[in-house]
Amino acid sequence: MAKLRDKEKIGNYIEFSFLKCIPGDYEGCQLNFKYYTDDKKIYELDFAWTNLTIKNYIEVTSNFPVEMLNNFILNNLYTSFENHLNKLEWTELKEEKAYRLRFSGSQQDFSLNVVDDVVRQFGHDLEAEWEEGLSLA
């Protein structure tokens, strides 16, 4: 599972895991999202994303911070057409290479303070988990 921890409060983090994947450009995966505060699960959601959204999400996180995606200027905000967790917004903090990430959607709103290279590692971990899910399909 791919985890992203807050840089100041290690017990605050999010994690994504893949439950089921269907290969193909027009298919998708079932995912599980968890948000923790002080190492206690605060929120959990099972949801589905298309493979296109997953691919774009991986691109945005593994190359963080991304200014352009698919010829669109992001302005520190990635959005998708999905129902859940469809926004990833980032604000640069005073500390060099540090950002406040906001994960939001129709019923979600969570934030973490992170360092850019940790976000990139999260993106690579997410990609590895996605590829493993696709290979098991």
N, C-alpha and C. Protein backbone atom coordinates (compact mmCIF):
# COMPACT_ATOMS: atom_id res chain seq x y z
N MET A 1 0.83 -1.17 0.00
CA MET A 1 0.00 0.00 0.00
C MET A 1 0.88 1.24 0.00
N ALA A 2 0.41 2.28 -0.67
CA ALA A 2 1.16 3.52 -0.78
C ALA A 2 0.74 4.45 0.36
N LYS A 3 1.73 4.91 1.13
CA LYS A 3 1.47 5.79 2.27
C LYS A 3 2.16 7.12 2.05
N LEU A 4 1.50 8.17 2.54
CA LEU A 4 2.08 9.51 2.51
C LEU A 4 1.91 10.10 3.89
N ARG A 5 3.05 10.37 4.55
CA ARG A 5 3.03 10.85 5.93
C ARG A 5 3.26 12.36 6.01
N ASP A 6 2.61 12.97 6.99
CA ASP A 6 2.83 14.37 7.30
C ASP A 6 4.27 14.55 7.78
N LYS A 7 4.92 15.62 7.38
CA LYS A 7 6.33 15.81 7.73
C LYS A 7 6.52 16.21 9.18
N GLU A 8 5.49 16.78 9.80
CA GLU A 8 5.61 17.24 11.17
C GLU A 8 4.97 16.28 12.17
N LYS A 9 3.87 15.67 11.77
CA LYS A 9 3.13 14.75 12.64
C LYS A 9 3.12 13.38 11.96
N ILE A 10 4.12 12.58 12.28
CA ILE A 10 4.31 11.29 11.62
C ILE A 10 3.08 10.40 11.75
N GLY A 11 2.30 10.56 12.81
CA GLY A 11 1.09 9.77 13.00
C GLY A 11 -0.07 10.20 12.13
N ASN A 12 0.11 11.27 11.37
CA ASN A 12 -0.91 11.74 10.43
C ASN A 12 -0.47 11.32 9.03
N TYR A 13 -1.32 10.55 8.36
CA TYR A 13 -0.96 10.08 7.03
C TYR A 13 -2.19 9.58 6.30
N ILE A 14 -1.99 9.37 5.00
CA ILE A 14 -3.01 8.75 4.17
C ILE A 14 -2.40 7.50 3.56
N GLU A 15 -3.26 6.57 3.17
CA GLU A 15 -2.78 5.41 2.44
C GLU A 15 -3.81 5.00 1.40
N PHE A 16 -3.29 4.61 0.26
CA PHE A 16 -4.09 4.08 -0.84
C PHE A 16 -3.69 2.63 -1.05
N SER A 17 -4.69 1.77 -1.28
CA SER A 17 -4.38 0.40 -1.69
C SER A 17 -5.38 0.01 -2.76
N PHE A 18 -4.95 -0.89 -3.62
CA PHE A 18 -5.78 -1.37 -4.72
C PHE A 18 -6.46 -2.66 -4.31
N LEU A 19 -7.77 -2.71 -4.48
CA LEU A 19 -8.55 -3.88 -4.11
C LEU A 19 -8.78 -4.80 -5.30
N LYS A 20 -9.03 -4.21 -6.47
CA LYS A 20 -9.29 -4.98 -7.68
C LYS A 20 -9.03 -4.09 -8.87
N CYS A 21 -8.39 -4.63 -9.90
CA CYS A 21 -8.08 -3.86 -11.10
C CYS A 21 -8.53 -4.61 -12.35
N ILE A 22 -8.98 -3.84 -13.32
CA ILE A 22 -9.31 -4.38 -14.64
C ILE A 22 -8.43 -3.64 -15.64
N PRO A 23 -7.53 -4.35 -16.33
CA PRO A 23 -6.63 -3.70 -17.29
C PRO A 23 -7.40 -3.10 -18.46
N GLY A 24 -6.84 -2.06 -19.04
CA GLY A 24 -7.41 -1.43 -20.23
C GLY A 24 -7.61 0.05 -20.04
N ASP A 25 -7.44 0.78 -21.13
CA ASP A 25 -7.55 2.24 -21.08
C ASP A 25 -8.92 2.71 -20.60
N TYR A 26 -9.96 1.97 -20.90
CA TYR A 26 -11.31 2.39 -20.55
C TYR A 26 -11.87 1.63 -19.36
N GLU A 27 -11.00 0.98 -18.61
CA GLU A 27 -11.40 0.22 -17.43
C GLU A 27 -10.90 0.97 -16.19
N GLY A 28 -10.87 0.28 -15.06
CA GLY A 28 -10.44 0.95 -13.84
C GLY A 28 -10.18 0.00 -12.70
N CYS A 29 -10.08 0.59 -11.51
CA CYS A 29 -9.73 -0.17 -10.32
C CYS A 29 -10.59 0.26 -9.14
N GLN A 30 -10.77 -0.67 -8.22
CA GLN A 30 -11.36 -0.36 -6.93
C GLN A 30 -10.21 -0.09 -5.99
N LEU A 31 -10.33 0.99 -5.23
CA LEU A 31 -9.28 1.38 -4.30
C LEU A 31 -9.84 1.53 -2.90
N ASN A 32 -8.92 1.55 -1.96
CA ASN A 32 -9.26 1.84 -0.58
C ASN A 32 -8.38 3.01 -0.15
N PHE A 33 -9.00 4.01 0.49
CA PHE A 33 -8.31 5.18 0.99
C PHE A 33 -8.54 5.25 2.49
N LYS A 34 -7.48 5.53 3.23
CA LYS A 34 -7.59 5.72 4.68
C LYS A 34 -6.84 6.98 5.08
N TYR A 35 -7.42 7.69 6.02
CA TYR A 35 -6.79 8.88 6.59
C TYR A 35 -6.61 8.67 8.08
N TYR A 36 -5.39 8.88 8.57
CA TYR A 36 -5.07 8.68 9.97
C TYR A 36 -4.60 9.98 10.62
N THR A 37 -5.00 10.16 11.87
CA THR A 37 -4.49 11.23 12.72
C THR A 37 -4.01 10.58 14.00
N ASP A 38 -2.80 10.90 14.40
CA ASP A 38 -2.20 10.29 15.60
C ASP A 38 -2.29 8.77 15.56
N ASP A 39 -2.04 8.20 14.39
CA ASP A 39 -2.06 6.76 14.14
C ASP A 39 -3.42 6.11 14.38
N LYS A 40 -4.49 6.93 14.41
CA LYS A 40 -5.85 6.39 14.54
C LYS A 40 -6.60 6.67 13.25
N LYS A 41 -7.24 5.62 12.74
CA LYS A 41 -8.00 5.77 11.50
C LYS A 41 -9.19 6.69 11.76
N ILE A 42 -9.25 7.76 10.96
CA ILE A 42 -10.31 8.75 11.08
C ILE A 42 -11.36 8.55 9.99
N TYR A 43 -10.90 8.12 8.82
CA TYR A 43 -11.79 8.02 7.68
C TYR A 43 -11.32 6.88 6.78
N GLU A 44 -12.28 6.14 6.21
CA GLU A 44 -11.96 5.09 5.25
C GLU A 44 -13.00 5.10 4.14
N LEU A 45 -12.54 4.88 2.93
CA LEU A 45 -13.42 4.90 1.77
C LEU A 45 -12.98 3.86 0.75
N ASP A 46 -13.91 3.02 0.30
CA ASP A 46 -13.70 2.17 -0.87
C ASP A 46 -14.37 2.88 -2.04
N PHE A 47 -13.66 3.01 -3.14
CA PHE A 47 -14.17 3.76 -4.29
C PHE A 47 -13.53 3.23 -5.56
N ALA A 48 -13.98 3.73 -6.70
CA ALA A 48 -13.43 3.31 -7.99
C ALA A 48 -12.92 4.52 -8.75
N TRP A 49 -11.81 4.32 -9.44
CA TRP A 49 -11.25 5.31 -10.35
C TRP A 49 -10.98 4.61 -11.69
N THR A 50 -11.11 5.36 -12.76
CA THR A 50 -10.71 4.83 -14.06
C THR A 50 -9.19 4.74 -14.11
N ASN A 51 -8.68 3.89 -15.00
CA ASN A 51 -7.24 3.79 -15.16
C ASN A 51 -6.64 5.10 -15.66
N LEU A 52 -7.40 5.87 -16.41
CA LEU A 52 -6.93 7.18 -16.86
C LEU A 52 -6.69 8.11 -15.67
N THR A 53 -7.60 8.14 -14.72
CA THR A 53 -7.42 8.97 -13.53
C THR A 53 -6.23 8.49 -12.72
N ILE A 54 -6.10 7.19 -12.56
CA ILE A 54 -4.97 6.64 -11.80
C ILE A 54 -3.66 7.03 -12.46
N LYS A 55 -3.59 6.88 -13.78
CA LYS A 55 -2.38 7.24 -14.51
C LYS A 55 -2.04 8.72 -14.31
N ASN A 56 -3.02 9.59 -14.40
CA ASN A 56 -2.79 11.02 -14.21
C ASN A 56 -2.39 11.34 -12.77
N TYR A 57 -3.02 10.69 -11.81
CA TYR A 57 -2.71 10.90 -10.40
C TYR A 57 -1.26 10.48 -10.11
N ILE A 58 -0.86 9.38 -10.69
CA ILE A 58 0.52 8.91 -10.54
C ILE A 58 1.48 9.92 -11.16
N GLU A 59 1.14 10.44 -12.33
CA GLU A 59 1.98 11.44 -12.99
C GLU A 59 2.15 12.69 -12.12
N VAL A 60 1.05 13.15 -11.56
CA VAL A 60 1.09 14.37 -10.73
C VAL A 60 1.90 14.14 -9.46
N THR A 61 1.76 12.99 -8.83
CA THR A 61 2.48 12.75 -7.58
C THR A 61 3.92 12.30 -7.79
N SER A 62 4.18 11.46 -8.76
CA SER A 62 5.55 10.96 -8.94
C SER A 62 6.48 12.02 -9.54
N ASN A 63 5.95 13.05 -10.12
CA ASN A 63 6.76 14.16 -10.66
C ASN A 63 6.45 15.48 -9.95
N PHE A 64 6.01 15.39 -8.74
CA PHE A 64 5.56 16.53 -7.95
C PHE A 64 6.65 17.58 -7.75
N PRO A 65 6.33 18.85 -7.80
CA PRO A 65 5.08 19.48 -8.19
C PRO A 65 5.01 19.65 -9.71
N VAL A 66 3.92 19.30 -10.30
CA VAL A 66 3.73 19.36 -11.75
C VAL A 66 2.99 20.64 -12.11
N GLU A 67 3.51 21.33 -13.12
CA GLU A 67 2.86 22.57 -13.56
C GLU A 67 1.85 22.32 -14.68
N MET A 68 2.14 21.31 -15.52
CA MET A 68 1.27 21.00 -16.66
C MET A 68 1.01 19.50 -16.74
N LEU A 69 -0.23 19.16 -17.13
CA LEU A 69 -0.59 17.76 -17.33
C LEU A 69 -1.50 17.70 -18.54
N ASN A 70 -1.12 16.87 -19.51
CA ASN A 70 -1.91 16.71 -20.73
C ASN A 70 -2.21 18.06 -21.40
N ASN A 71 -1.21 18.92 -21.44
CA ASN A 71 -1.28 20.24 -22.06
C ASN A 71 -2.21 21.22 -21.34
N PHE A 72 -2.54 20.94 -20.09
CA PHE A 72 -3.34 21.85 -19.28
C PHE A 72 -2.50 22.37 -18.12
N ILE A 73 -2.54 23.68 -17.89
CA ILE A 73 -1.86 24.27 -16.74
C ILE A 73 -2.67 23.91 -15.50
N LEU A 74 -2.00 23.39 -14.49
CA LEU A 74 -2.69 22.90 -13.30
C LEU A 74 -2.98 23.97 -12.25
N ASN A 75 -2.13 24.99 -12.15
CA ASN A 75 -2.30 26.02 -11.12
C ASN A 75 -2.42 25.40 -9.72
N ASN A 76 -1.55 24.46 -9.41
CA ASN A 76 -1.48 23.80 -8.11
C ASN A 76 -2.74 23.02 -7.75
N LEU A 77 -3.45 22.53 -8.76
CA LEU A 77 -4.67 21.77 -8.51
C LEU A 77 -4.87 20.73 -9.61
N TYR A 78 -4.91 19.46 -9.20
CA TYR A 78 -5.27 18.39 -10.12
C TYR A 78 -6.72 18.02 -9.82
N THR A 79 -7.55 17.96 -10.84
CA THR A 79 -8.94 17.53 -10.67
C THR A 79 -9.25 16.44 -11.69
N SER A 80 -10.18 15.59 -11.33
CA SER A 80 -10.64 14.55 -12.25
C SER A 80 -12.16 14.57 -12.27
N PHE A 81 -12.73 13.75 -13.11
CA PHE A 81 -14.18 13.66 -13.24
C PHE A 81 -14.78 12.63 -12.28
N GLU A 82 -13.95 12.04 -11.44
CA GLU A 82 -14.41 11.00 -10.52
C GLU A 82 -15.28 11.60 -9.41
N ASN A 83 -16.02 10.75 -8.71
CA ASN A 83 -16.88 11.21 -7.63
C ASN A 83 -16.14 11.42 -6.31
N HIS A 84 -15.12 10.62 -6.06
CA HIS A 84 -14.45 10.65 -4.77
C HIS A 84 -12.99 11.05 -4.92
N LEU A 85 -12.52 11.81 -3.96
CA LEU A 85 -11.12 12.26 -3.95
C LEU A 85 -10.71 12.79 -5.32
N ASN A 86 -11.55 13.63 -5.87
CA ASN A 86 -11.31 14.10 -7.24
C ASN A 86 -10.45 15.36 -7.32
N LYS A 87 -9.95 15.83 -6.19
CA LYS A 87 -9.07 17.01 -6.21
C LYS A 87 -7.84 16.75 -5.35
N LEU A 88 -6.71 17.17 -5.89
CA LEU A 88 -5.46 17.19 -5.14
C LEU A 88 -4.88 18.59 -5.34
N GLU A 89 -4.84 19.34 -4.27
CA GLU A 89 -4.40 20.74 -4.33
C GLU A 89 -3.15 20.90 -3.47
N TRP A 90 -2.22 21.74 -3.92
CA TRP A 90 -1.02 21.96 -3.14
C TRP A 90 -0.71 23.44 -3.03
N THR A 91 -0.23 23.80 -1.84
CA THR A 91 0.18 25.17 -1.53
C THR A 91 1.59 25.10 -1.00
N GLU A 92 2.47 25.91 -1.56
CA GLU A 92 3.85 25.92 -1.10
C GLU A 92 3.94 26.59 0.26
N LEU A 93 4.70 25.97 1.16
CA LEU A 93 4.90 26.52 2.50
C LEU A 93 6.17 27.35 2.54
N LYS A 94 6.41 28.03 3.63
CA LYS A 94 7.61 28.88 3.76
C LYS A 94 8.89 28.05 3.72
N GLU A 95 8.83 26.87 4.32
CA GLU A 95 9.98 25.98 4.31
C GLU A 95 10.25 25.50 2.89
N GLU A 96 11.52 25.49 2.50
CA GLU A 96 11.87 25.10 1.13
C GLU A 96 11.45 23.67 0.84
N LYS A 97 10.84 23.48 -0.33
CA LYS A 97 10.40 22.19 -0.84
C LYS A 97 9.30 21.55 0.00
N ALA A 98 8.59 22.35 0.80
CA ALA A 98 7.50 21.84 1.63
C ALA A 98 6.17 22.37 1.10
N TYR A 99 5.15 21.53 1.22
CA TYR A 99 3.83 21.86 0.67
C TYR A 99 2.74 21.37 1.61
N ARG A 100 1.61 22.02 1.51
CA ARG A 100 0.39 21.55 2.17
C ARG A 100 -0.46 20.92 1.07
N LEU A 101 -0.69 19.62 1.18
CA LEU A 101 -1.53 18.90 0.22
C LEU A 101 -2.93 18.78 0.78
N ARG A 102 -3.89 19.05 -0.07
CA ARG A 102 -5.30 18.91 0.32
C ARG A 102 -5.93 17.87 -0.60
N PHE A 103 -6.46 16.81 0.00
CA PHE A 103 -7.16 15.75 -0.71
C PHE A 103 -8.64 15.99 -0.48
N SER A 104 -9.39 16.22 -1.55
CA SER A 104 -10.81 16.51 -1.35
C SER A 104 -11.65 15.89 -2.46
N GLY A 105 -12.94 15.84 -2.19
CA GLY A 105 -13.89 15.29 -3.13
C GLY A 105 -15.29 15.60 -2.65
N SER A 106 -16.25 14.84 -3.11
CA SER A 106 -17.65 15.14 -2.77
C SER A 106 -17.92 15.05 -1.27
N GLN A 107 -17.20 14.20 -0.56
CA GLN A 107 -17.41 14.06 0.88
C GLN A 107 -16.09 13.96 1.64
N GLN A 108 -15.00 14.40 1.02
CA GLN A 108 -13.69 14.28 1.65
C GLN A 108 -13.00 15.64 1.70
N ASP A 109 -12.21 15.84 2.75
CA ASP A 109 -11.39 17.04 2.87
C ASP A 109 -10.32 16.79 3.92
N PHE A 110 -9.11 16.43 3.47
CA PHE A 110 -8.02 16.09 4.36
C PHE A 110 -6.76 16.80 3.89
N SER A 111 -5.89 17.17 4.84
CA SER A 111 -4.66 17.86 4.49
C SER A 111 -3.47 17.26 5.21
N LEU A 112 -2.32 17.33 4.54
CA LEU A 112 -1.04 16.93 5.11
C LEU A 112 0.00 17.95 4.71
N ASN A 113 0.97 18.19 5.59
CA ASN A 113 2.15 18.99 5.24
C ASN A 113 3.25 18.01 4.86
N VAL A 114 3.82 18.19 3.68
CA VAL A 114 4.74 17.20 3.13
C VAL A 114 5.94 17.87 2.48
N VAL A 115 6.95 17.08 2.21
CA VAL A 115 8.13 17.51 1.47
C VAL A 115 8.02 16.91 0.06
N ASP A 116 8.47 17.65 -0.94
CA ASP A 116 8.27 17.25 -2.33
C ASP A 116 8.80 15.86 -2.67
N ASP A 117 9.98 15.49 -2.17
CA ASP A 117 10.52 14.18 -2.54
C ASP A 117 9.71 13.04 -1.92
N VAL A 118 9.06 13.28 -0.80
CA VAL A 118 8.20 12.26 -0.18
C VAL A 118 6.95 12.06 -1.02
N VAL A 119 6.43 13.14 -1.59
CA VAL A 119 5.26 13.02 -2.49
C VAL A 119 5.65 12.22 -3.73
N ARG A 120 6.84 12.49 -4.27
CA ARG A 120 7.29 11.75 -5.45
C ARG A 120 7.44 10.26 -5.14
N GLN A 121 7.97 9.94 -3.96
CA GLN A 121 8.10 8.52 -3.58
C GLN A 121 6.72 7.89 -3.43
N PHE A 122 5.78 8.61 -2.86
CA PHE A 122 4.40 8.14 -2.76
C PHE A 122 3.85 7.82 -4.15
N GLY A 123 4.09 8.70 -5.11
CA GLY A 123 3.63 8.47 -6.49
C GLY A 123 4.24 7.21 -7.08
N HIS A 124 5.52 6.98 -6.84
CA HIS A 124 6.18 5.78 -7.35
C HIS A 124 5.64 4.52 -6.66
N ASP A 125 5.37 4.63 -5.36
CA ASP A 125 4.79 3.49 -4.63
C ASP A 125 3.39 3.18 -5.15
N LEU A 126 2.62 4.23 -5.40
CA LEU A 126 1.27 4.05 -5.94
C LEU A 126 1.32 3.37 -7.31
N GLU A 127 2.27 3.79 -8.13
CA GLU A 127 2.42 3.19 -9.45
C GLU A 127 2.79 1.71 -9.35
N ALA A 128 3.71 1.38 -8.46
CA ALA A 128 4.12 -0.03 -8.29
C ALA A 128 2.94 -0.88 -7.83
N GLU A 129 2.15 -0.34 -6.91
CA GLU A 129 0.98 -1.09 -6.42
C GLU A 129 -0.06 -1.26 -7.54
N TRP A 130 -0.25 -0.22 -8.34
CA TRP A 130 -1.21 -0.28 -9.45
C TRP A 130 -0.77 -1.34 -10.47
N GLU A 131 0.51 -1.31 -10.83
CA GLU A 131 1.03 -2.29 -11.80
C GLU A 131 0.88 -3.71 -11.26
N GLU A 132 1.11 -3.90 -9.97
CA GLU A 132 0.93 -5.22 -9.37
C GLU A 132 -0.54 -5.64 -9.44
N GLY A 133 -1.45 -4.71 -9.16
CA GLY A 133 -2.88 -5.00 -9.24
C GLY A 133 -3.31 -5.37 -10.65
N LEU A 134 -2.76 -4.67 -11.63
CA LEU A 134 -3.09 -4.99 -13.02
C LEU A 134 -2.55 -6.35 -13.43
N SER A 135 -1.37 -6.69 -12.92
CA SER A 135 -0.77 -7.98 -13.31
C SER A 135 -1.53 -9.15 -12.68
N LEU A 136 -2.20 -8.92 -11.58
CA LEU A 136 -2.95 -10.00 -10.92
C LEU A 136 -4.36 -10.15 -11.48
N ALA A 137 -4.78 -9.20 -12.31
CA ALA A 137 -6.16 -9.22 -12.85
C ALA A 137 -6.36 -10.35 -13.83
